[in-house]
Amino acid sequence: MKEIIITSDAPDPVGPYNQAIKAGETLYLSGQIAIDPKTGELVLNSIEDETHQVFKNLKAVLAKNDMTFENIVKCTVFVSDMNNYGRINTVYGEYFDDATAPARELVEVARLPKDVNIEISAIAVR
């Protein structure tokens, strides 16, 4: 059985999907982009600010299910420009301990929703 996870502390979905789905002890978090849930505006000042906003949104969805970044076992990172890899990776490293960081792939794509520069989805387990 699946449970729909929704919080007003993260942006509303921009399509026919939910912020997360809980199945058993596993939480599947939909891709988050840098929308500030309070204003509905994109945070695009810099790739660092954009990445931090994505993590704030992921944190809000995790918190709704009493989880933290420690519960994440897998991340998928989509970027519009691989030249930002180092800058994104620096911010990413602020949210995960190197020794216990989740599995991850980071891929460049042609285009992302709302023409953002980064989107991250995750799988977390209790």
PDB file of N, CA and C in Angstrom:
ATOM      1  N   MET A   1       0.843  -1.184   0.000  1.00  0.00           N
ATOM      2  CA  MET A   1       0.000   0.000   0.000  1.00  0.00           C
ATOM      3  C   MET A   1       0.886   1.245   0.000  1.00  0.00           C
ATOM      4  N   LYS A   2       0.484   2.250  -0.728  1.00  0.00           N
ATOM      5  CA  LYS A   2       1.282   3.467  -0.772  1.00  0.00           C
ATOM      6  C   LYS A   2       0.562   4.601  -0.058  1.00  0.00           C
ATOM      7  N   GLU A   3       1.386   5.505   0.482  1.00  0.00           N
ATOM      8  CA  GLU A   3       0.870   6.683   1.167  1.00  0.00           C
ATOM      9  C   GLU A   3       1.415   7.920   0.469  1.00  0.00           C
ATOM     10  N   ILE A   4       0.549   8.861   0.167  1.00  0.00           N
ATOM     11  CA  ILE A   4       0.944  10.116  -0.478  1.00  0.00           C
ATOM     12  C   ILE A   4       1.494  11.054   0.599  1.00  0.00           C
ATOM     13  N   ILE A   5       2.663  11.625   0.342  1.00  0.00           N
ATOM     14  CA  ILE A   5       3.281  12.571   1.269  1.00  0.00           C
ATOM     15  C   ILE A   5       3.226  13.959   0.635  1.00  0.00           C
ATOM     16  N   ILE A   6       2.608  14.896   1.348  1.00  0.00           N
ATOM     17  CA  ILE A   6       2.484  16.275   0.869  1.00  0.00           C
ATOM     18  C   ILE A   6       2.739  17.220   2.035  1.00  0.00           C
ATOM     19  N   THR A   7       3.514  18.261   1.790  1.00  0.00           N
ATOM     20  CA  THR A   7       3.746  19.296   2.794  1.00  0.00           C
ATOM     21  C   THR A   7       3.709  20.666   2.139  1.00  0.00           C
ATOM     22  N   SER A   8       3.185  21.626   2.853  1.00  0.00           N
ATOM     23  CA  SER A   8       3.175  23.000   2.338  1.00  0.00           C
ATOM     24  C   SER A   8       4.544  23.652   2.480  1.00  0.00           C
ATOM     25  N   ASP A   9       5.479  22.974   3.155  1.00  0.00           N
ATOM     26  CA  ASP A   9       6.834  23.499   3.331  1.00  0.00           C
ATOM     27  C   ASP A   9       7.726  23.239   2.117  1.00  0.00           C
ATOM     28  N   ALA A  10       7.187  22.555   1.129  1.00  0.00           N
ATOM     29  CA  ALA A  10       7.889  22.326  -0.135  1.00  0.00           C
ATOM     30  C   ALA A  10       6.952  22.782  -1.253  1.00  0.00           C
ATOM     31  N   PRO A  11       7.494  23.067  -2.429  1.00  0.00           N
ATOM     32  CA  PRO A  11       6.650  23.552  -3.529  1.00  0.00           C
ATOM     33  C   PRO A  11       5.600  22.533  -3.951  1.00  0.00           C
ATOM     34  N   ASP A  12       4.456  23.042  -4.378  1.00  0.00           N
ATOM     35  CA  ASP A  12       3.444  22.177  -4.961  1.00  0.00           C
ATOM     36  C   ASP A  12       4.001  21.566  -6.241  1.00  0.00           C
ATOM     37  N   PRO A  13       3.626  20.342  -6.549  1.00  0.00           N
ATOM     38  CA  PRO A  13       4.054  19.736  -7.813  1.00  0.00           C
ATOM     39  C   PRO A  13       3.605  20.583  -9.001  1.00  0.00           C
ATOM     40  N   VAL A  14       4.404  20.571 -10.056  1.00  0.00           N
ATOM     41  CA  VAL A  14       4.083  21.333 -11.258  1.00  0.00           C
ATOM     42  C   VAL A  14       3.508  20.433 -12.349  1.00  0.00           C
ATOM     43  N   GLY A  15       3.017  19.279 -11.941  1.00  0.00           N
ATOM     44  CA  GLY A  15       2.436  18.327 -12.881  1.00  0.00           C
ATOM     45  C   GLY A  15       1.665  17.261 -12.130  1.00  0.00           C
ATOM     46  N   PRO A  16       1.265  16.202 -12.815  1.00  0.00           N
ATOM     47  CA  PRO A  16       0.468  15.137 -12.202  1.00  0.00           C
ATOM     48  C   PRO A  16       1.328  14.131 -11.428  1.00  0.00           C
ATOM     49  N   TYR A  17       1.887  14.577 -10.332  1.00  0.00           N
ATOM     50  CA  TYR A  17       2.697  13.727  -9.448  1.00  0.00           C
ATOM     51  C   TYR A  17       2.604  14.289  -8.041  1.00  0.00           C
ATOM     52  N   ASN A  18       3.130  13.556  -7.070  1.00  0.00           N
ATOM     53  CA  ASN A  18       3.143  13.994  -5.671  1.00  0.00           C
ATOM     54  C   ASN A  18       4.570  14.262  -5.220  1.00  0.00           C
ATOM     55  N   GLN A  19       4.698  15.002  -4.122  1.00  0.00           N
ATOM     56  CA  GLN A  19       6.029  15.315  -3.598  1.00  0.00           C
ATOM     57  C   GLN A  19       6.791  14.052  -3.228  1.00  0.00           C
ATOM     58  N   ALA A  20       6.071  13.081  -2.669  1.00  0.00           N
ATOM     59  CA  ALA A  20       6.706  11.813  -2.305  1.00  0.00           C
ATOM     60  C   ALA A  20       5.645  10.746  -2.141  1.00  0.00           C
ATOM     61  N   ILE A  21       6.089   9.514  -2.253  1.00  0.00           N
ATOM     62  CA  ILE A  21       5.251   8.345  -2.014  1.00  0.00           C
ATOM     63  C   ILE A  21       5.988   7.465  -1.008  1.00  0.00           C
ATOM     64  N   LYS A  22       5.265   7.075   0.042  1.00  0.00           N
ATOM     65  CA  LYS A  22       5.830   6.142   1.020  1.00  0.00           C
ATOM     66  C   LYS A  22       5.246   4.763   0.728  1.00  0.00           C
ATOM     67  N   ALA A  23       6.127   3.785   0.587  1.00  0.00           N
ATOM     68  CA  ALA A  23       5.725   2.397   0.390  1.00  0.00           C
ATOM     69  C   ALA A  23       6.493   1.574   1.420  1.00  0.00           C
ATOM     70  N   GLY A  24       5.800   1.069   2.415  1.00  0.00           N
ATOM     71  CA  GLY A  24       6.480   0.379   3.506  1.00  0.00           C
ATOM     72  C   GLY A  24       7.368   1.365   4.242  1.00  0.00           C
ATOM     73  N   GLU A  25       8.623   1.022   4.377  1.00  0.00           N
ATOM     74  CA  GLU A  25       9.588   1.890   5.069  1.00  0.00           C
ATOM     75  C   GLU A  25      10.424   2.724   4.091  1.00  0.00           C
ATOM     76  N   THR A  26      10.024   2.735   2.820  1.00  0.00           N
ATOM     77  CA  THR A  26      10.775   3.456   1.796  1.00  0.00           C
ATOM     78  C   THR A  26       9.988   4.678   1.342  1.00  0.00           C
ATOM     79  N   LEU A  27      10.700   5.804   1.242  1.00  0.00           N
ATOM     80  CA  LEU A  27      10.112   7.063   0.782  1.00  0.00           C
ATOM     81  C   LEU A  27      10.756   7.427  -0.547  1.00  0.00           C
ATOM     82  N   TYR A  28       9.928   7.584  -1.574  1.00  0.00           N
ATOM     83  CA  TYR A  28      10.391   7.958  -2.908  1.00  0.00           C
ATOM     84  C   TYR A  28      10.070   9.436  -3.105  1.00  0.00           C
ATOM     85  N   LEU A  29      11.101  10.277  -3.118  1.00  0.00           N
ATOM     86  CA  LEU A  29      10.920  11.714  -3.252  1.00  0.00           C
ATOM     87  C   LEU A  29      11.016  12.127  -4.715  1.00  0.00           C
ATOM     88  N   SER A  30       9.991  12.794  -5.194  1.00  0.00           N
ATOM     89  CA  SER A  30      10.009  13.314  -6.563  1.00  0.00           C
ATOM     90  C   SER A  30      11.104  14.363  -6.697  1.00  0.00           C
ATOM     91  N   GLY A  31      11.515  14.587  -7.935  1.00  0.00           N
ATOM     92  CA  GLY A  31      12.528  15.598  -8.187  1.00  0.00           C
ATOM     93  C   GLY A  31      12.088  16.962  -7.695  1.00  0.00           C
ATOM     94  N   GLN A  32      13.006  17.629  -7.020  1.00  0.00           N
ATOM     95  CA  GLN A  32      12.754  18.980  -6.531  1.00  0.00           C
ATOM     96  C   GLN A  32      13.602  19.958  -7.325  1.00  0.00           C
ATOM     97  N   ILE A  33      12.998  21.089  -7.626  1.00  0.00           N
ATOM     98  CA  ILE A  33      13.735  22.186  -8.239  1.00  0.00           C
ATOM     99  C   ILE A  33      13.716  23.352  -7.255  1.00  0.00           C
ATOM    100  N   ALA A  34      14.373  24.434  -7.601  1.00  0.00           N
ATOM    101  CA  ALA A  34      14.593  25.539  -6.663  1.00  0.00           C
ATOM    102  C   ALA A  34      13.437  26.532  -6.617  1.00  0.00           C
ATOM    103  N   ILE A  35      12.253  26.038  -6.307  1.00  0.00           N
ATOM    104  CA  ILE A  35      11.112  26.921  -6.088  1.00  0.00           C
ATOM    105  C   ILE A  35      11.010  27.194  -4.596  1.00  0.00           C
ATOM    106  N   ASP A  36      10.953  28.461  -4.220  1.00  0.00           N
ATOM    107  CA  ASP A  36      10.729  28.832  -2.820  1.00  0.00           C
ATOM    108  C   ASP A  36       9.249  28.601  -2.531  1.00  0.00           C
ATOM    109  N   PRO A  37       8.916  27.673  -1.616  1.00  0.00           N
ATOM    110  CA  PRO A  37       7.505  27.375  -1.390  1.00  0.00           C
ATOM    111  C   PRO A  37       6.709  28.529  -0.782  1.00  0.00           C
ATOM    112  N   LYS A  38       7.387  29.463  -0.150  1.00  0.00           N
ATOM    113  CA  LYS A  38       6.694  30.606   0.456  1.00  0.00           C
ATOM    114  C   LYS A  38       6.251  31.625  -0.583  1.00  0.00           C
ATOM    115  N   THR A  39       7.083  31.808  -1.605  1.00  0.00           N
ATOM    116  CA  THR A  39       6.798  32.841  -2.610  1.00  0.00           C
ATOM    117  C   THR A  39       6.361  32.261  -3.955  1.00  0.00           C
ATOM    118  N   GLY A  40       6.685  31.001  -4.189  1.00  0.00           N
ATOM    119  CA  GLY A  40       6.409  30.390  -5.484  1.00  0.00           C
ATOM    120  C   GLY A  40       7.393  30.805  -6.561  1.00  0.00           C
ATOM    121  N   GLU A  41       8.405  31.580  -6.161  1.00  0.00           N
ATOM    122  CA  GLU A  41       9.405  32.077  -7.112  1.00  0.00           C
ATOM    123  C   GLU A  41      10.603  31.129  -7.193  1.00  0.00           C
ATOM    124  N   LEU A  42      11.229  31.116  -8.354  1.00  0.00           N
ATOM    125  CA  LEU A  42      12.460  30.342  -8.525  1.00  0.00           C
ATOM    126  C   LEU A  42      13.630  31.069  -7.867  1.00  0.00           C
ATOM    127  N   VAL A  43      14.531  30.305  -7.274  1.00  0.00           N
ATOM    128  CA  VAL A  43      15.765  30.844  -6.693  1.00  0.00           C
ATOM    129  C   VAL A  43      16.883  30.537  -7.682  1.00  0.00           C
ATOM    130  N   LEU A  44      17.264  31.532  -8.457  1.00  0.00           N
ATOM    131  CA  LEU A  44      18.238  31.340  -9.531  1.00  0.00           C
ATOM    132  C   LEU A  44      19.416  32.308  -9.451  1.00  0.00           C
ATOM    133  N   ASN A  45      19.675  32.853  -8.258  1.00  0.00           N
ATOM    134  CA  ASN A  45      20.764  33.838  -8.092  1.00  0.00           C
ATOM    135  C   ASN A  45      22.111  33.267  -8.499  1.00  0.00           C
ATOM    136  N   SER A  46      22.372  32.024  -8.113  1.00  0.00           N
ATOM    137  CA  SER A  46      23.618  31.335  -8.445  1.00  0.00           C
ATOM    138  C   SER A  46      23.332  29.848  -8.382  1.00  0.00           C
ATOM    139  N   ILE A  47      24.191  29.036  -8.965  1.00  0.00           N
ATOM    140  CA  ILE A  47      23.989  27.591  -8.908  1.00  0.00           C
ATOM    141  C   ILE A  47      24.062  27.105  -7.457  1.00  0.00           C
ATOM    142  N   GLU A  48      24.851  27.783  -6.633  1.00  0.00           N
ATOM    143  CA  GLU A  48      24.931  27.407  -5.216  1.00  0.00           C
ATOM    144  C   GLU A  48      23.602  27.680  -4.513  1.00  0.00           C
ATOM    145  N   ASP A  49      23.043  28.877  -4.700  1.00  0.00           N
ATOM    146  CA  ASP A  49      21.749  29.209  -4.079  1.00  0.00           C
ATOM    147  C   ASP A  49      20.653  28.285  -4.587  1.00  0.00           C
ATOM    148  N   GLU A  50      20.692  27.999  -5.869  1.00  0.00           N
ATOM    149  CA  GLU A  50      19.693  27.119  -6.464  1.00  0.00           C
ATOM    150  C   GLU A  50      19.773  25.719  -5.852  1.00  0.00           C
ATOM    151  N   THR A  51      20.993  25.205  -5.703  1.00  0.00           N
ATOM    152  CA  THR A  51      21.187  23.872  -5.127  1.00  0.00           C
ATOM    153  C   THR A  51      20.757  23.841  -3.670  1.00  0.00           C
ATOM    154  N   HIS A  52      21.091  24.875  -2.903  1.00  0.00           N
ATOM    155  CA  HIS A  52      20.644  24.940  -1.502  1.00  0.00           C
ATOM    156  C   HIS A  52      19.123  24.927  -1.412  1.00  0.00           C
ATOM    157  N   GLN A  53      18.422  25.646  -2.303  1.00  0.00           N
ATOM    158  CA  GLN A  53      16.956  25.663  -2.266  1.00  0.00           C
ATOM    159  C   GLN A  53      16.398  24.276  -2.574  1.00  0.00           C
ATOM    160  N   VAL A  54      17.004  23.577  -3.513  1.00  0.00           N
ATOM    161  CA  VAL A  54      16.577  22.212  -3.807  1.00  0.00           C
ATOM    162  C   VAL A  54      16.691  21.359  -2.549  1.00  0.00           C
ATOM    163  N   PHE A  55      17.798  21.489  -1.828  1.00  0.00           N
ATOM    164  CA  PHE A  55      17.981  20.704  -0.600  1.00  0.00           C
ATOM    165  C   PHE A  55      17.003  21.125   0.492  1.00  0.00           C
ATOM    166  N   LYS A  56      16.669  22.399   0.574  1.00  0.00           N
ATOM    167  CA  LYS A  56      15.648  22.839   1.541  1.00  0.00           C
ATOM    168  C   LYS A  56      14.316  22.166   1.236  1.00  0.00           C
ATOM    169  N   ASN A  57      13.983  22.079  -0.042  1.00  0.00           N
ATOM    170  CA  ASN A  57      12.733  21.446  -0.439  1.00  0.00           C
ATOM    171  C   ASN A  57      12.743  19.949  -0.135  1.00  0.00           C
ATOM    172  N   LEU A  58      13.856  19.292  -0.422  1.00  0.00           N
ATOM    173  CA  LEU A  58      13.972  17.871  -0.090  1.00  0.00           C
ATOM    174  C   LEU A  58      13.862  17.662   1.419  1.00  0.00           C
ATOM    175  N   LYS A  59      14.517  18.525   2.191  1.00  0.00           N
ATOM    176  CA  LYS A  59      14.482  18.425   3.654  1.00  0.00           C
ATOM    177  C   LYS A  59      13.048  18.529   4.177  1.00  0.00           C
ATOM    178  N   ALA A  60      12.261  19.431   3.606  1.00  0.00           N
ATOM    179  CA  ALA A  60      10.872  19.611   4.042  1.00  0.00           C
ATOM    180  C   ALA A  60      10.047  18.358   3.789  1.00  0.00           C
ATOM    181  N   VAL A  61      10.246  17.724   2.645  1.00  0.00           N
ATOM    182  CA  VAL A  61       9.501  16.506   2.333  1.00  0.00           C
ATOM    183  C   VAL A  61       9.956  15.369   3.248  1.00  0.00           C
ATOM    184  N   LEU A  62      11.252  15.269   3.476  1.00  0.00           N
ATOM    185  CA  LEU A  62      11.764  14.261   4.411  1.00  0.00           C
ATOM    186  C   LEU A  62      11.173  14.464   5.809  1.00  0.00           C
ATOM    187  N   ALA A  63      11.186  15.709   6.267  1.00  0.00           N
ATOM    188  CA  ALA A  63      10.705  16.030   7.621  1.00  0.00           C
ATOM    189  C   ALA A  63       9.239  15.660   7.796  1.00  0.00           C
ATOM    190  N   LYS A  64       8.451  15.808   6.751  1.00  0.00           N
ATOM    191  CA  LYS A  64       7.032  15.444   6.813  1.00  0.00           C
ATOM    192  C   LYS A  64       6.862  13.966   7.177  1.00  0.00           C
ATOM    193  N   ASN A  65       7.888  13.181   6.871  1.00  0.00           N
ATOM    194  CA  ASN A  65       7.863  11.751   7.169  1.00  0.00           C
ATOM    195  C   ASN A  65       8.850  11.396   8.289  1.00  0.00           C
ATOM    196  N   ASP A  66       9.232  12.404   9.097  1.00  0.00           N
ATOM    197  CA  ASP A  66      10.171  12.203  10.214  1.00  0.00           C
ATOM    198  C   ASP A  66      11.479  11.552   9.772  1.00  0.00           C
ATOM    199  N   MET A  67      11.993  12.001   8.634  1.00  0.00           N
ATOM    200  CA  MET A  67      13.276  11.520   8.131  1.00  0.00           C
ATOM    201  C   MET A  67      14.219  12.705   7.937  1.00  0.00           C
ATOM    202  N   THR A  68      15.502  12.396   7.763  1.00  0.00           N
ATOM    203  CA  THR A  68      16.532  13.401   7.500  1.00  0.00           C
ATOM    204  C   THR A  68      17.366  12.936   6.301  1.00  0.00           C
ATOM    205  N   PHE A  69      18.370  13.711   5.974  1.00  0.00           N
ATOM    206  CA  PHE A  69      19.269  13.327   4.888  1.00  0.00           C
ATOM    207  C   PHE A  69      19.987  12.018   5.194  1.00  0.00           C
ATOM    208  N   GLU A  70      20.122  11.685   6.457  1.00  0.00           N
ATOM    209  CA  GLU A  70      20.749  10.416   6.856  1.00  0.00           C
ATOM    210  C   GLU A  70      19.955   9.215   6.341  1.00  0.00           C
ATOM    211  N   ASN A  71      18.670   9.384   6.107  1.00  0.00           N
ATOM    212  CA  ASN A  71      17.826   8.284   5.633  1.00  0.00           C
ATOM    213  C   ASN A  71      17.921   8.067   4.121  1.00  0.00           C
ATOM    214  N   ILE A  72      18.505   9.021   3.408  1.00  0.00           N
ATOM    215  CA  ILE A  72      18.584   8.905   1.948  1.00  0.00           C
ATOM    216  C   ILE A  72      19.622   7.845   1.565  1.00  0.00           C
ATOM    217  N   VAL A  73      19.195   6.913   0.707  1.00  0.00           N
ATOM    218  CA  VAL A  73      20.097   5.866   0.229  1.00  0.00           C
ATOM    219  C   VAL A  73      20.485   6.066  -1.238  1.00  0.00           C
ATOM    220  N   LYS A  74      19.725   6.908  -1.956  1.00  0.00           N
ATOM    221  CA  LYS A  74      20.003   7.120  -3.372  1.00  0.00           C
ATOM    222  C   LYS A  74      19.529   8.496  -3.806  1.00  0.00           C
ATOM    223  N   CYS A  75      20.364   9.202  -4.547  1.00  0.00           N
ATOM    224  CA  CYS A  75      20.001  10.496  -5.145  1.00  0.00           C
ATOM    225  C   CYS A  75      20.237  10.429  -6.650  1.00  0.00           C
ATOM    226  N   THR A  76      19.372  11.087  -7.368  1.00  0.00           N
ATOM    227  CA  THR A  76      19.582  11.291  -8.797  1.00  0.00           C
ATOM    228  C   THR A  76      19.613  12.793  -9.016  1.00  0.00           C
ATOM    229  N   VAL A  77      20.693  13.263  -9.607  1.00  0.00           N
ATOM    230  CA  VAL A  77      20.899  14.694  -9.821  1.00  0.00           C
ATOM    231  C   VAL A  77      20.925  14.955 -11.325  1.00  0.00           C
ATOM    232  N   PHE A  78      20.042  15.832 -11.758  1.00  0.00           N
ATOM    233  CA  PHE A  78      19.993  16.242 -13.162  1.00  0.00           C
ATOM    234  C   PHE A  78      20.478  17.682 -13.244  1.00  0.00           C
ATOM    235  N   VAL A  79      21.399  17.960 -14.153  1.00  0.00           N
ATOM    236  CA  VAL A  79      21.928  19.312 -14.310  1.00  0.00           C
ATOM    237  C   VAL A  79      21.841  19.723 -15.774  1.00  0.00           C
ATOM    238  N   SER A  80      21.714  21.020 -15.990  1.00  0.00           N
ATOM    239  CA  SER A  80      21.644  21.522 -17.362  1.00  0.00           C
ATOM    240  C   SER A  80      23.022  21.825 -17.941  1.00  0.00           C
ATOM    241  N   ASP A  81      24.038  21.888 -17.075  1.00  0.00           N
ATOM    242  CA  ASP A  81      25.386  22.225 -17.537  1.00  0.00           C
ATOM    243  C   ASP A  81      26.416  21.518 -16.662  1.00  0.00           C
ATOM    244  N   MET A  82      27.091  20.536 -17.211  1.00  0.00           N
ATOM    245  CA  MET A  82      28.078  19.761 -16.463  1.00  0.00           C
ATOM    246  C   MET A  82      29.247  20.633 -16.000  1.00  0.00           C
ATOM    247  N   ASN A  83      29.408  21.809 -16.584  1.00  0.00           N
ATOM    248  CA  ASN A  83      30.470  22.716 -16.123  1.00  0.00           C
ATOM    249  C   ASN A  83      30.219  23.196 -14.695  1.00  0.00           C
ATOM    250  N   ASN A  84      28.996  23.048 -14.201  1.00  0.00           N
ATOM    251  CA  ASN A  84      28.679  23.422 -12.814  1.00  0.00           C
ATOM    252  C   ASN A  84      28.918  22.284 -11.820  1.00  0.00           C
ATOM    253  N   TYR A  85      29.420  21.156 -12.296  1.00  0.00           N
ATOM    254  CA  TYR A  85      29.596  19.967 -11.460  1.00  0.00           C
ATOM    255  C   TYR A  85      30.320  20.269 -10.147  1.00  0.00           C
ATOM    256  N   GLY A  86      31.463  20.910 -10.207  1.00  0.00           N
ATOM    257  CA  GLY A  86      32.249  21.179  -9.010  1.00  0.00           C
ATOM    258  C   GLY A  86      31.513  22.053  -8.004  1.00  0.00           C
ATOM    259  N   ARG A  87      30.849  23.071  -8.495  1.00  0.00           N
ATOM    260  CA  ARG A  87      30.106  23.980  -7.614  1.00  0.00           C
ATOM    261  C   ARG A  87      28.911  23.273  -6.981  1.00  0.00           C
ATOM    262  N   ILE A  88      28.217  22.469  -7.756  1.00  0.00           N
ATOM    263  CA  ILE A  88      27.092  21.697  -7.230  1.00  0.00           C
ATOM    264  C   ILE A  88      27.602  20.679  -6.212  1.00  0.00           C
ATOM    265  N   ASN A  89      28.678  20.000  -6.543  1.00  0.00           N
ATOM    266  CA  ASN A  89      29.228  18.972  -5.669  1.00  0.00           C
ATOM    267  C   ASN A  89      29.649  19.549  -4.319  1.00  0.00           C
ATOM    268  N   THR A  90      30.167  20.763  -4.312  1.00  0.00           N
ATOM    269  CA  THR A  90      30.551  21.417  -3.059  1.00  0.00           C
ATOM    270  C   THR A  90      29.330  21.617  -2.165  1.00  0.00           C
ATOM    271  N   VAL A  91      28.253  22.106  -2.728  1.00  0.00           N
ATOM    272  CA  VAL A  91      27.013  22.294  -1.952  1.00  0.00           C
ATOM    273  C   VAL A  91      26.462  20.935  -1.537  1.00  0.00           C
ATOM    274  N   TYR A  92      26.413  19.994  -2.450  1.00  0.00           N
ATOM    275  CA  TYR A  92      25.915  18.652  -2.164  1.00  0.00           C
ATOM    276  C   TYR A  92      26.636  18.063  -0.948  1.00  0.00           C
ATOM    277  N   GLY A  93      27.941  18.259  -0.896  1.00  0.00           N
ATOM    278  CA  GLY A  93      28.759  17.738   0.198  1.00  0.00           C
ATOM    279  C   GLY A  93      28.434  18.335   1.558  1.00  0.00           C
ATOM    280  N   GLU A  94      27.755  19.471   1.591  1.00  0.00           N
ATOM    281  CA  GLU A  94      27.349  20.067   2.863  1.00  0.00           C
ATOM    282  C   GLU A  94      26.179  19.316   3.506  1.00  0.00           C
ATOM    283  N   TYR A  95      25.501  18.497   2.730  1.00  0.00           N
ATOM    284  CA  TYR A  95      24.310  17.800   3.219  1.00  0.00           C
ATOM    285  C   TYR A  95      24.551  16.327   3.541  1.00  0.00           C
ATOM    286  N   PHE A  96      25.688  15.796   3.110  1.00  0.00           N
ATOM    287  CA  PHE A  96      25.991  14.386   3.336  1.00  0.00           C
ATOM    288  C   PHE A  96      27.417  14.219   3.839  1.00  0.00           C
ATOM    289  N   ASP A  97      27.585  13.318   4.785  1.00  0.00           N
ATOM    290  CA  ASP A  97      28.902  12.932   5.287  1.00  0.00           C
ATOM    291  C   ASP A  97      29.543  12.014   4.243  1.00  0.00           C
ATOM    292  N   ASP A  98      30.794  12.258   3.890  1.00  0.00           N
ATOM    293  CA  ASP A  98      31.464  11.441   2.875  1.00  0.00           C
ATOM    294  C   ASP A  98      31.385   9.945   3.180  1.00  0.00           C
ATOM    295  N   ALA A  99      31.534   9.585   4.447  1.00  0.00           N
ATOM    296  CA  ALA A  99      31.570   8.175   4.830  1.00  0.00           C
ATOM    297  C   ALA A  99      30.222   7.474   4.673  1.00  0.00           C
ATOM    298  N   THR A 100      29.122   8.236   4.771  1.00  0.00           N
ATOM    299  CA  THR A 100      27.793   7.607   4.716  1.00  0.00           C
ATOM    300  C   THR A 100      26.915   8.187   3.608  1.00  0.00           C
ATOM    301  N   ALA A 101      27.521   8.891   2.680  1.00  0.00           N
ATOM    302  CA  ALA A 101      26.760   9.504   1.586  1.00  0.00           C
ATOM    303  C   ALA A 101      26.012   8.444   0.785  1.00  0.00           C
ATOM    304  N   PRO A 102      24.839   8.814   0.246  1.00  0.00           N
ATOM    305  CA  PRO A 102      24.058   7.852  -0.528  1.00  0.00           C
ATOM    306  C   PRO A 102      24.690   7.558  -1.886  1.00  0.00           C
ATOM    307  N   ALA A 103      24.208   6.499  -2.507  1.00  0.00           N
ATOM    308  CA  ALA A 103      24.560   6.239  -3.903  1.00  0.00           C
ATOM    309  C   ALA A 103      24.008   7.400  -4.726  1.00  0.00           C
ATOM    310  N   ARG A 104      24.652   7.677  -5.864  1.00  0.00           N
ATOM    311  CA  ARG A 104      24.229   8.848  -6.640  1.00  0.00           C
ATOM    312  C   ARG A 104      24.683   8.738  -8.075  1.00  0.00           C
ATOM    313  N   GLU A 105      23.884   9.332  -8.955  1.00  0.00           N
ATOM    314  CA  GLU A 105      24.348   9.645 -10.300  1.00  0.00           C
ATOM    315  C   GLU A 105      24.047  11.106 -10.546  1.00  0.00           C
ATOM    316  N   LEU A 106      24.882  11.741 -11.346  1.00  0.00           N
ATOM    317  CA  LEU A 106      24.693  13.132 -11.726  1.00  0.00           C
ATOM    318  C   LEU A 106      24.850  13.174 -13.236  1.00  0.00           C
ATOM    319  N   VAL A 107      23.776  13.570 -13.909  1.00  0.00           N
ATOM    320  CA  VAL A 107      23.791  13.552 -15.367  1.00  0.00           C
ATOM    321  C   VAL A 107      23.365  14.891 -15.937  1.00  0.00           C
ATOM    322  N   GLU A 108      23.969  15.238 -17.054  1.00  0.00           N
ATOM    323  CA  GLU A 108      23.562  16.446 -17.762  1.00  0.00           C
ATOM    324  C   GLU A 108      22.401  16.102 -18.684  1.00  0.00           C
ATOM    325  N   VAL A 109      21.405  16.990 -18.682  1.00  0.00           N
ATOM    326  CA  VAL A 109      20.233  16.803 -19.536  1.00  0.00           C
ATOM    327  C   VAL A 109      20.052  18.041 -20.408  1.00  0.00           C
ATOM    328  N   ALA A 110      19.285  17.892 -21.451  1.00  0.00           N
ATOM    329  CA  ALA A 110      19.095  19.002 -22.385  1.00  0.00           C
ATOM    330  C   ALA A 110      18.296  20.137 -21.771  1.00  0.00           C
ATOM    331  N   ARG A 111      17.307  19.782 -20.940  1.00  0.00           N
ATOM    332  CA  ARG A 111      16.448  20.824 -20.393  1.00  0.00           C
ATOM    333  C   ARG A 111      15.730  20.288 -19.159  1.00  0.00           C
ATOM    334  N   LEU A 112      15.453  21.178 -18.206  1.00  0.00           N
ATOM    335  CA  LEU A 112      14.739  20.829 -16.979  1.00  0.00           C
ATOM    336  C   LEU A 112      13.483  21.680 -16.852  1.00  0.00           C
ATOM    337  N   PRO A 113      12.518  21.238 -16.030  1.00  0.00           N
ATOM    338  CA  PRO A 113      11.290  22.024 -15.855  1.00  0.00           C
ATOM    339  C   PRO A 113      11.590  23.470 -15.471  1.00  0.00           C
ATOM    340  N   LYS A 114      10.819  24.376 -16.032  1.00  0.00           N
ATOM    341  CA  LYS A 114      10.940  25.819 -15.766  1.00  0.00           C
ATOM    342  C   LYS A 114      12.336  26.354 -16.094  1.00  0.00           C
ATOM    343  N   ASP A 115      13.077  25.613 -16.903  1.00  0.00           N
ATOM    344  CA  ASP A 115      14.428  25.991 -17.334  1.00  0.00           C
ATOM    345  C   ASP A 115      15.389  26.219 -16.170  1.00  0.00           C
ATOM    346  N   VAL A 116      15.238  25.431 -15.103  1.00  0.00           N
ATOM    347  CA  VAL A 116      16.165  25.510 -13.977  1.00  0.00           C
ATOM    348  C   VAL A 116      17.469  24.833 -14.354  1.00  0.00           C
ATOM    349  N   ASN A 117      18.451  24.921 -13.463  1.00  0.00           N
ATOM    350  CA  ASN A 117      19.776  24.364 -13.719  1.00  0.00           C
ATOM    351  C   ASN A 117      20.018  23.040 -13.018  1.00  0.00           C
ATOM    352  N   ILE A 118      19.161  22.682 -12.040  1.00  0.00           N
ATOM    353  CA  ILE A 118      19.367  21.453 -11.278  1.00  0.00           C
ATOM    354  C   ILE A 118      18.039  20.928 -10.762  1.00  0.00           C
ATOM    355  N   GLU A 119      17.927  19.605 -10.736  1.00  0.00           N
ATOM    356  CA  GLU A 119      16.790  18.910 -10.125  1.00  0.00           C
ATOM    357  C   GLU A 119      17.353  17.681  -9.428  1.00  0.00           C
ATOM    358  N   ILE A 120      16.863  17.404  -8.221  1.00  0.00           N
ATOM    359  CA  ILE A 120      17.329  16.237  -7.461  1.00  0.00           C
ATOM    360  C   ILE A 120      16.123  15.442  -6.974  1.00  0.00           C
ATOM    361  N   SER A 121      16.159  14.133  -7.199  1.00  0.00           N
ATOM    362  CA  SER A 121      15.185  13.220  -6.613  1.00  0.00           C
ATOM    363  C   SER A 121      15.940  12.291  -5.666  1.00  0.00           C
ATOM    364  N   ALA A 122      15.207  11.596  -4.804  1.00  0.00           N
ATOM    365  CA  ALA A 122      15.886  10.756  -3.812  1.00  0.00           C
ATOM    366  C   ALA A 122      15.003   9.604  -3.375  1.00  0.00           C
ATOM    367  N   ILE A 123      15.653   8.607  -2.817  1.00  0.00           N
ATOM    368  CA  ILE A 123      14.982   7.491  -2.159  1.00  0.00           C
ATOM    369  C   ILE A 123      15.540   7.422  -0.748  1.00  0.00           C
ATOM    370  N   ALA A 124      14.633   7.374   0.222  1.00  0.00           N
ATOM    371  CA  ALA A 124      15.037   7.310   1.642  1.00  0.00           C
ATOM    372  C   ALA A 124      14.396   6.095   2.286  1.00  0.00           C
ATOM    373  N   VAL A 125      15.079   5.527   3.280  1.00  0.00           N
ATOM    374  CA  VAL A 125      14.606   4.335   3.961  1.00  0.00           C
ATOM    375  C   VAL A 125      14.719   4.555   5.471  1.00  0.00           C
ATOM    376  N   ARG A 126      13.686   4.141   6.165  1.00  0.00           N
ATOM    377  CA  ARG A 126      13.712   4.229   7.638  1.00  0.00           C
ATOM    378  C   ARG A 126      14.462   3.060   8.200  1.00  0.00           C
TER     379      ARG A 126
END
